[in-house]
PDB file of all heavy atoms in Angstrom:
ATOM      1  N   LEU A   1    -138.305-232.742  21.226  1.00  0.00           N
ATOM      2  CA  LEU A   1    -137.126-233.015  20.427  1.00  0.00           C
ATOM      3  C   LEU A   1    -135.967-233.212  21.390  1.00  0.00           C
ATOM      4  O   LEU A   1    -135.710-232.362  22.206  1.00  0.00           O
ATOM      5  CB  LEU A   1    -136.808-231.826  19.508  1.00  0.00           C
ATOM      6  CG  LEU A   1    -137.845-231.510  18.431  1.00  0.00           C
ATOM      7  CD1 LEU A   1    -137.571-230.157  17.832  1.00  0.00           C
ATOM      8  CD2 LEU A   1    -137.816-232.566  17.378  1.00  0.00           C
ATOM      9  N   LEU A   2    -135.287-234.326  21.286  1.00  0.00           N
ATOM     10  CA  LEU A   2    -134.205-234.623  22.217  1.00  0.00           C
ATOM     11  C   LEU A   2    -132.892-234.476  21.474  1.00  0.00           C
ATOM     12  O   LEU A   2    -132.620-235.209  20.551  1.00  0.00           O
ATOM     13  CB  LEU A   2    -134.344-236.042  22.754  1.00  0.00           C
ATOM     14  CG  LEU A   2    -133.388-236.405  23.877  1.00  0.00           C
ATOM     15  CD1 LEU A   2    -133.604-235.560  25.091  1.00  0.00           C
ATOM     16  CD2 LEU A   2    -133.494-237.868  24.186  1.00  0.00           C
ATOM     17  N   ILE A   3    -132.055-233.515  21.882  1.00  0.00           N
ATOM     18  CA  ILE A   3    -130.812-233.273  21.171  1.00  0.00           C
ATOM     19  C   ILE A   3    -129.654-233.355  22.136  1.00  0.00           C
ATOM     20  O   ILE A   3    -129.652-232.727  23.169  1.00  0.00           O
ATOM     21  CB  ILE A   3    -130.816-231.910  20.465  1.00  0.00           C
ATOM     22  CG1 ILE A   3    -131.872-231.950  19.367  1.00  0.00           C
ATOM     23  CG2 ILE A   3    -129.470-231.586  19.895  1.00  0.00           C
ATOM     24  CD1 ILE A   3    -131.820-230.789  18.443  1.00  0.00           C
ATOM     25  N   GLY A   4    -128.636-234.154  21.804  1.00  0.00           N
ATOM     26  CA  GLY A   4    -127.454-234.277  22.630  1.00  0.00           C
ATOM     27  C   GLY A   4    -126.217-234.142  21.786  1.00  0.00           C
ATOM     28  O   GLY A   4    -126.303-234.014  20.588  1.00  0.00           O
ATOM     29  N   CYS A   5    -125.080-234.204  22.384  1.00  0.00           N
ATOM     30  CA  CYS A   5    -123.820-234.039  21.670  1.00  0.00           C
ATOM     31  C   CYS A   5    -123.211-235.400  21.396  1.00  0.00           C
ATOM     32  O   CYS A   5    -122.964-236.175  22.317  1.00  0.00           O
ATOM     33  CB  CYS A   5    -122.859-233.199  22.500  1.00  0.00           C
ATOM     34  SG  CYS A   5    -121.216-233.147  21.814  1.00  0.00           S
ATOM     35  N   ASP A   6    -122.961-235.689  20.104  1.00  0.00           N
ATOM     36  CA  ASP A   6    -122.335-236.948  19.710  1.00  0.00           C
ATOM     37  C   ASP A   6    -123.092-238.158  20.250  1.00  0.00           C
ATOM     38  O   ASP A   6    -122.524-239.208  20.499  1.00  0.00           O
ATOM     39  CB  ASP A   6    -120.878-236.993  20.166  1.00  0.00           C
ATOM     40  CG  ASP A   6    -120.069-235.883  19.525  1.00  0.00           C
ATOM     41  OD1 ASP A   6    -120.354-235.537  18.381  1.00  0.00           O
ATOM     42  OD2 ASP A   6    -119.161-235.376  20.191  1.00  0.00           O
ATOM     43  N   GLY A   7    -124.397-237.989  20.459  1.00  0.00           N
ATOM     44  CA  GLY A   7    -125.237-239.099  20.835  1.00  0.00           C
ATOM     45  C   GLY A   7    -125.077-239.555  22.264  1.00  0.00           C
ATOM     46  O   GLY A   7    -125.547-240.627  22.628  1.00  0.00           O
ATOM     47  N   THR A   8    -124.407-238.790  23.130  1.00  0.00           N
ATOM     48  CA  THR A   8    -124.131-239.290  24.467  1.00  0.00           C
ATOM     49  C   THR A   8    -124.699-238.423  25.579  1.00  0.00           C
ATOM     50  O   THR A   8    -125.218-238.937  26.551  1.00  0.00           O
ATOM     51  CB  THR A   8    -122.611-239.410  24.692  1.00  0.00           C
ATOM     52  OG1 THR A   8    -122.009-238.135  24.493  1.00  0.00           O
ATOM     53  CG2 THR A   8    -122.013-240.404  23.717  1.00  0.00           C
ATOM     54  N   GLN A   9    -124.614-237.105  25.475  1.00  0.00           N
ATOM     55  CA  GLN A   9    -124.975-236.243  26.589  1.00  0.00           C
ATOM     56  C   GLN A   9    -126.138-235.320  26.221  1.00  0.00           C
ATOM     57  O   GLN A   9    -126.140-234.744  25.154  1.00  0.00           O
ATOM     58  CB  GLN A   9    -123.779-235.375  27.003  1.00  0.00           C
ATOM     59  CG  GLN A   9    -122.564-236.183  27.417  1.00  0.00           C
ATOM     60  CD  GLN A   9    -121.408-235.272  27.788  1.00  0.00           C
ATOM     61  OE1 GLN A   9    -121.605-234.255  28.439  1.00  0.00           O
ATOM     62  NE2 GLN A   9    -120.229-235.628  27.377  1.00  0.00           N
ATOM     63  N   PRO A  10    -127.122-235.187  27.103  1.00  0.00           N
ATOM     64  CA  PRO A  10    -128.223-234.261  26.824  1.00  0.00           C
ATOM     65  C   PRO A  10    -127.762-232.823  26.936  1.00  0.00           C
ATOM     66  O   PRO A  10    -126.847-232.511  27.684  1.00  0.00           O
ATOM     67  CB  PRO A  10    -129.244-234.600  27.920  1.00  0.00           C
ATOM     68  CG  PRO A  10    -128.409-235.118  29.041  1.00  0.00           C
ATOM     69  CD  PRO A  10    -127.249-235.845  28.404  1.00  0.00           C
ATOM     70  N   LEU A  11    -128.409-231.961  26.194  1.00  0.00           N
ATOM     71  CA  LEU A  11    -128.108-230.543  26.284  1.00  0.00           C
ATOM     72  C   LEU A  11    -128.952-229.897  27.371  1.00  0.00           C
ATOM     73  O   LEU A  11    -130.072-230.294  27.632  1.00  0.00           O
ATOM     74  CB  LEU A  11    -128.409-229.848  24.951  1.00  0.00           C
ATOM     75  CG  LEU A  11    -127.550-230.261  23.768  1.00  0.00           C
ATOM     76  CD1 LEU A  11    -127.906-229.416  22.569  1.00  0.00           C
ATOM     77  CD2 LEU A  11    -126.077-230.118  24.081  1.00  0.00           C
ATOM     78  N   ASP A  12    -128.404-228.852  27.983  1.00  0.00           N
ATOM     79  CA  ASP A  12    -129.128-228.067  28.979  1.00  0.00           C
ATOM     80  C   ASP A  12    -129.932-227.004  28.251  1.00  0.00           C
ATOM     81  O   ASP A  12    -129.371-226.137  27.607  1.00  0.00           O
ATOM     82  CB  ASP A  12    -128.113-227.417  29.926  1.00  0.00           C
ATOM     83  CG  ASP A  12    -128.756-226.472  30.909  1.00  0.00           C
ATOM     84  OD1 ASP A  12    -129.992-226.348  30.894  1.00  0.00           O
ATOM     85  OD2 ASP A  12    -128.018-225.870  31.693  1.00  0.00           O
ATOM     86  N   PHE A  13    -131.259-227.086  28.304  1.00  0.00           N
ATOM     87  CA  PHE A  13    -132.058-226.124  27.556  1.00  0.00           C
ATOM     88  C   PHE A  13    -132.684-225.067  28.432  1.00  0.00           C
ATOM     89  O   PHE A  13    -133.706-224.486  28.097  1.00  0.00           O
ATOM     90  CB  PHE A  13    -133.134-226.832  26.717  1.00  0.00           C
ATOM     91  CG  PHE A  13    -134.141-227.630  27.497  1.00  0.00           C
ATOM     92  CD1 PHE A  13    -135.316-227.059  27.932  1.00  0.00           C
ATOM     93  CD2 PHE A  13    -133.909-228.961  27.765  1.00  0.00           C
ATOM     94  CE1 PHE A  13    -136.247-227.789  28.636  1.00  0.00           C
ATOM     95  CE2 PHE A  13    -134.831-229.698  28.467  1.00  0.00           C
ATOM     96  CZ  PHE A  13    -136.008-229.124  28.902  1.00  0.00           C
ATOM     97  N   GLY A  14    -132.097-224.780  29.582  1.00  0.00           N
ATOM     98  CA  GLY A  14    -132.526-223.619  30.319  1.00  0.00           C
ATOM     99  C   GLY A  14    -133.292-223.905  31.586  1.00  0.00           C
ATOM    100  O   GLY A  14    -134.253-223.210  31.899  1.00  0.00           O
ATOM    101  N   THR A  15    -132.916-224.935  32.342  1.00  0.00           N
ATOM    102  CA  THR A  15    -133.541-225.167  33.635  1.00  0.00           C
ATOM    103  C   THR A  15    -133.327-223.946  34.525  1.00  0.00           C
ATOM    104  O   THR A  15    -132.220-223.437  34.599  1.00  0.00           O
ATOM    105  CB  THR A  15    -132.929-226.401  34.317  1.00  0.00           C
ATOM    106  OG1 THR A  15    -133.133-227.524  33.474  1.00  0.00           O
ATOM    107  CG2 THR A  15    -133.573-226.655  35.670  1.00  0.00           C
ATOM    108  N   PRO A  16    -134.365-223.439  35.180  1.00  0.00           N
ATOM    109  CA  PRO A  16    -134.179-222.254  36.019  1.00  0.00           C
ATOM    110  C   PRO A  16    -133.021-222.432  36.996  1.00  0.00           C
ATOM    111  O   PRO A  16    -132.965-223.413  37.728  1.00  0.00           O
ATOM    112  CB  PRO A  16    -135.526-222.145  36.765  1.00  0.00           C
ATOM    113  CG  PRO A  16    -136.501-222.797  35.849  1.00  0.00           C
ATOM    114  CD  PRO A  16    -135.737-223.919  35.195  1.00  0.00           C
ATOM    115  N   PRO A  17    -132.050-221.525  36.983  1.00  0.00           N
ATOM    116  CA  PRO A  17    -130.843-221.706  37.790  1.00  0.00           C
ATOM    117  C   PRO A  17    -131.090-221.469  39.272  1.00  0.00           C
ATOM    118  O   PRO A  17    -131.936-220.646  39.640  1.00  0.00           O
ATOM    119  CB  PRO A  17    -129.892-220.635  37.235  1.00  0.00           C
ATOM    120  CG  PRO A  17    -130.814-219.578  36.716  1.00  0.00           C
ATOM    121  CD  PRO A  17    -132.009-220.292  36.178  1.00  0.00           C
ATOM    122  N   PRO A  18    -130.368-222.178  40.141  1.00  0.00           N
ATOM    123  CA  PRO A  18    -130.471-221.887  41.570  1.00  0.00           C
ATOM    124  C   PRO A  18    -129.803-220.550  41.888  1.00  0.00           C
ATOM    125  O   PRO A  18    -128.815-220.186  41.276  1.00  0.00           O
ATOM    126  CB  PRO A  18    -129.690-223.045  42.211  1.00  0.00           C
ATOM    127  CG  PRO A  18    -128.735-223.483  41.148  1.00  0.00           C
ATOM    128  CD  PRO A  18    -129.420-223.252  39.842  1.00  0.00           C
ATOM    129  N   VAL A  19    -130.355-219.821  42.826  1.00  0.00           N
ATOM    130  CA  VAL A  19    -129.788-218.530  43.197  1.00  0.00           C
ATOM    131  C   VAL A  19    -129.801-218.394  44.710  1.00  0.00           C
ATOM    132  O   VAL A  19    -130.488-219.114  45.418  1.00  0.00           O
ATOM    133  CB  VAL A  19    -130.574-217.350  42.570  1.00  0.00           C
ATOM    134  CG1 VAL A  19    -130.467-217.367  41.063  1.00  0.00           C
ATOM    135  CG2 VAL A  19    -132.026-217.391  43.014  1.00  0.00           C
ATOM    136  N   ASP A  20    -129.008-217.449  45.206  1.00  0.00           N
ATOM    137  CA  ASP A  20    -128.951-217.147  46.629  1.00  0.00           C
ATOM    138  C   ASP A  20    -129.074-215.625  46.772  1.00  0.00           C
ATOM    139  O   ASP A  20    -128.240-214.893  46.223  1.00  0.00           O
ATOM    140  CB  ASP A  20    -127.629-217.640  47.217  1.00  0.00           C
ATOM    141  CG  ASP A  20    -127.572-217.454  48.729  1.00  0.00           C
ATOM    142  OD1 ASP A  20    -128.655-217.322  49.343  1.00  0.00           O
ATOM    143  OD2 ASP A  20    -126.454-217.438  49.267  1.00  0.00           O
ATOM    144  N   PRO A  21    -130.118-215.090  47.428  1.00  0.00           N
ATOM    145  CA  PRO A  21    -131.133-215.841  48.177  1.00  0.00           C
ATOM    146  C   PRO A  21    -132.110-216.556  47.247  1.00  0.00           C
ATOM    147  O   PRO A  21    -132.191-216.218  46.067  1.00  0.00           O
ATOM    148  CB  PRO A  21    -131.844-214.743  48.976  1.00  0.00           C
ATOM    149  CG  PRO A  21    -131.679-213.526  48.118  1.00  0.00           C
ATOM    150  CD  PRO A  21    -130.321-213.648  47.503  1.00  0.00           C
ATOM    151  N   PRO A  22    -132.845-217.534  47.766  1.00  0.00           N
ATOM    152  CA  PRO A  22    -133.767-218.296  46.928  1.00  0.00           C
ATOM    153  C   PRO A  22    -134.806-217.400  46.259  1.00  0.00           C
ATOM    154  O   PRO A  22    -135.202-216.360  46.800  1.00  0.00           O
ATOM    155  CB  PRO A  22    -134.424-219.262  47.929  1.00  0.00           C
ATOM    156  CG  PRO A  22    -133.460-219.356  49.057  1.00  0.00           C
ATOM    157  CD  PRO A  22    -132.807-218.007  49.152  1.00  0.00           C
ATOM    158  N   LEU A  23    -135.268-217.807  45.090  1.00  0.00           N
ATOM    159  CA  LEU A  23    -136.304-217.063  44.393  1.00  0.00           C
ATOM    160  C   LEU A  23    -137.641-217.201  45.112  1.00  0.00           C
ATOM    161  O   LEU A  23    -137.914-218.216  45.755  1.00  0.00           O
ATOM    162  CB  LEU A  23    -136.456-217.595  42.963  1.00  0.00           C
ATOM    163  CG  LEU A  23    -135.263-217.448  42.026  1.00  0.00           C
ATOM    164  CD1 LEU A  23    -135.547-218.142  40.710  1.00  0.00           C
ATOM    165  CD2 LEU A  23    -134.921-215.989  41.796  1.00  0.00           C
ATOM    166  N   THR A  24    -138.461-216.183  44.965  1.00  0.00           N
ATOM    167  CA  THR A  24    -139.830-216.278  45.456  1.00  0.00           C
ATOM    168  C   THR A  24    -140.609-217.218  44.539  1.00  0.00           C
ATOM    169  O   THR A  24    -140.165-217.551  43.427  1.00  0.00           O
ATOM    170  CB  THR A  24    -140.507-214.910  45.463  1.00  0.00           C
ATOM    171  OG1 THR A  24    -140.637-214.448  44.100  1.00  0.00           O
ATOM    172  CG2 THR A  24    -139.694-213.899  46.267  1.00  0.00           C
ATOM    173  N   GLU A  25    -141.786-217.621  44.963  1.00  0.00           N
ATOM    174  CA  GLU A  25    -142.608-218.510  44.141  1.00  0.00           C
ATOM    175  C   GLU A  25    -142.946-217.853  42.806  1.00  0.00           C
ATOM    176  O   GLU A  25    -142.917-218.500  41.755  1.00  0.00           O
ATOM    177  CB  GLU A  25    -143.892-218.862  44.895  1.00  0.00           C
ATOM    178  CG  GLU A  25    -144.796-219.828  44.142  1.00  0.00           C
ATOM    179  CD  GLU A  25    -146.020-220.238  44.948  1.00  0.00           C
ATOM    180  OE1 GLU A  25    -146.062-219.923  46.150  1.00  0.00           O
ATOM    181  OE2 GLU A  25    -146.924-220.860  44.365  1.00  0.00           O
ATOM    182  N   GLU A  26    -143.228-216.546  42.839  1.00  0.00           N
ATOM    183  CA  GLU A  26    -143.529-215.827  41.600  1.00  0.00           C
ATOM    184  C   GLU A  26    -142.316-215.786  40.681  1.00  0.00           C
ATOM    185  O   GLU A  26    -142.432-215.976  39.461  1.00  0.00           O
ATOM    186  CB  GLU A  26    -143.996-214.410  41.917  1.00  0.00           C
ATOM    187  CG  GLU A  26    -144.379-213.600  40.683  1.00  0.00           C
ATOM    188  CD  GLU A  26    -144.862-212.207  41.020  1.00  0.00           C
ATOM    189  OE1 GLU A  26    -144.911-211.867  42.226  1.00  0.00           O
ATOM    190  OE2 GLU A  26    -145.194-211.449  40.078  1.00  0.00           O
ATOM    191  N   GLU A  27    -141.131-215.552  41.243  1.00  0.00           N
ATOM    192  CA  GLU A  27    -139.909-215.518  40.432  1.00  0.00           C
ATOM    193  C   GLU A  27    -139.602-216.883  39.844  1.00  0.00           C
ATOM    194  O   GLU A  27    -139.138-216.984  38.701  1.00  0.00           O
ATOM    195  CB  GLU A  27    -138.747-215.023  41.286  1.00  0.00           C
ATOM    196  CG  GLU A  27    -138.814-213.536  41.622  1.00  0.00           C
ATOM    197  CD  GLU A  27    -137.779-213.128  42.644  1.00  0.00           C
ATOM    198  OE1 GLU A  27    -137.364-213.972  43.470  1.00  0.00           O
ATOM    199  OE2 GLU A  27    -137.369-211.949  42.629  1.00  0.00           O
ATOM    200  N   VAL A  28    -139.845-217.939  40.596  1.00  0.00           N
ATOM    201  CA  VAL A  28    -139.645-219.294  40.080  1.00  0.00           C
ATOM    202  C   VAL A  28    -140.542-219.531  38.873  1.00  0.00           C
ATOM    203  O   VAL A  28    -140.116-220.084  37.847  1.00  0.00           O
ATOM    204  CB  VAL A  28    -139.907-220.348  41.175  1.00  0.00           C
ATOM    205  CG1 VAL A  28    -139.969-221.751  40.577  1.00  0.00           C
ATOM    206  CG2 VAL A  28    -138.828-220.281  42.237  1.00  0.00           C
ATOM    207  N   GLU A  29    -141.791-219.111  38.969  1.00  0.00           N
ATOM    208  CA  GLU A  29    -142.725-219.275  37.857  1.00  0.00           C
ATOM    209  C   GLU A  29    -142.274-218.469  36.637  1.00  0.00           C
ATOM    210  O   GLU A  29    -142.367-218.938  35.496  1.00  0.00           O
ATOM    211  CB  GLU A  29    -144.129-218.854  38.291  1.00  0.00           C
ATOM    212  CG  GLU A  29    -144.757-219.782  39.326  1.00  0.00           C
ATOM    213  CD  GLU A  29    -146.111-219.293  39.800  1.00  0.00           C
ATOM    214  OE1 GLU A  29    -146.500-218.173  39.395  1.00  0.00           O
ATOM    215  OE2 GLU A  29    -146.781-220.020  40.561  1.00  0.00           O
ATOM    216  N   GLU A  30    -141.787-217.255  36.872  1.00  0.00           N
ATOM    217  CA  GLU A  30    -141.309-216.426  35.768  1.00  0.00           C
ATOM    218  C   GLU A  30    -140.109-217.073  35.079  1.00  0.00           C
ATOM    219  O   GLU A  30    -140.021-217.098  33.843  1.00  0.00           O
ATOM    220  CB  GLU A  30    -140.938-215.039  36.287  1.00  0.00           C
ATOM    221  CG  GLU A  30    -142.131-214.198  36.725  1.00  0.00           C
ATOM    222  CD  GLU A  30    -141.710-212.876  37.343  1.00  0.00           C
ATOM    223  OE1 GLU A  30    -140.490-212.692  37.563  1.00  0.00           O
ATOM    224  OE2 GLU A  30    -142.586-212.037  37.610  1.00  0.00           O
ATOM    225  N   GLN A  31    -139.161-217.587  35.871  1.00  0.00           N
ATOM    226  CA  GLN A  31    -137.982-218.233  35.306  1.00  0.00           C
ATOM    227  C   GLN A  31    -138.367-219.497  34.532  1.00  0.00           C
ATOM    228  O   GLN A  31    -137.826-219.766  33.461  1.00  0.00           O
ATOM    229  CB  GLN A  31    -136.994-218.587  36.416  1.00  0.00           C
ATOM    230  CG  GLN A  31    -136.380-217.390  37.127  1.00  0.00           C
ATOM    231  CD  GLN A  31    -135.223-216.794  36.339  1.00  0.00           C
ATOM    232  OE1 GLN A  31    -134.107-217.282  36.404  1.00  0.00           O
ATOM    233  NE2 GLN A  31    -135.506-215.738  35.592  1.00  0.00           N
ATOM    234  N   ALA A  32    -139.309-220.262  35.069  1.00  0.00           N
ATOM    235  CA  ALA A  32    -139.760-221.466  34.375  1.00  0.00           C
ATOM    236  C   ALA A  32    -140.428-221.113  33.053  1.00  0.00           C
ATOM    237  O   ALA A  32    -140.253-221.812  32.046  1.00  0.00           O
ATOM    238  CB  ALA A  32    -140.729-222.248  35.263  1.00  0.00           C
ATOM    239  N   ALA A  33    -141.174-220.013  33.027  1.00  0.00           N
ATOM    240  CA  ALA A  33    -141.829-219.582  31.799  1.00  0.00           C
ATOM    241  C   ALA A  33    -140.801-219.164  30.753  1.00  0.00           C
ATOM    242  O   ALA A  33    -140.951-219.468  29.562  1.00  0.00           O
ATOM    243  CB  ALA A  33    -142.789-218.422  32.089  1.00  0.00           C
ATOM    244  N   ILE A  34    -139.743-218.478  31.170  1.00  0.00           N
ATOM    245  CA  ILE A  34    -138.682-218.095  30.233  1.00  0.00           C
ATOM    246  C   ILE A  34    -137.990-219.328  29.683  1.00  0.00           C
ATOM    247  O   ILE A  34    -137.748-219.443  28.476  1.00  0.00           O
ATOM    248  CB  ILE A  34    -137.666-217.161  30.916  1.00  0.00           C
ATOM    249  CG1 ILE A  34    -138.319-215.815  31.254  1.00  0.00           C
ATOM    250  CG2 ILE A  34    -136.445-216.940  30.020  1.00  0.00           C
ATOM    251  CD1 ILE A  34    -137.427-214.882  32.044  1.00  0.00           C
TER     252      ILE A  34
END
């Protein structure tokens, strides 16, 4: 389902955020699952 605002911009539905220090591979997988 593709939902945007006023037909122009896509909504952010929870891409895993960048962090410092970088996430471990396991943490990346956990964030992607959430």
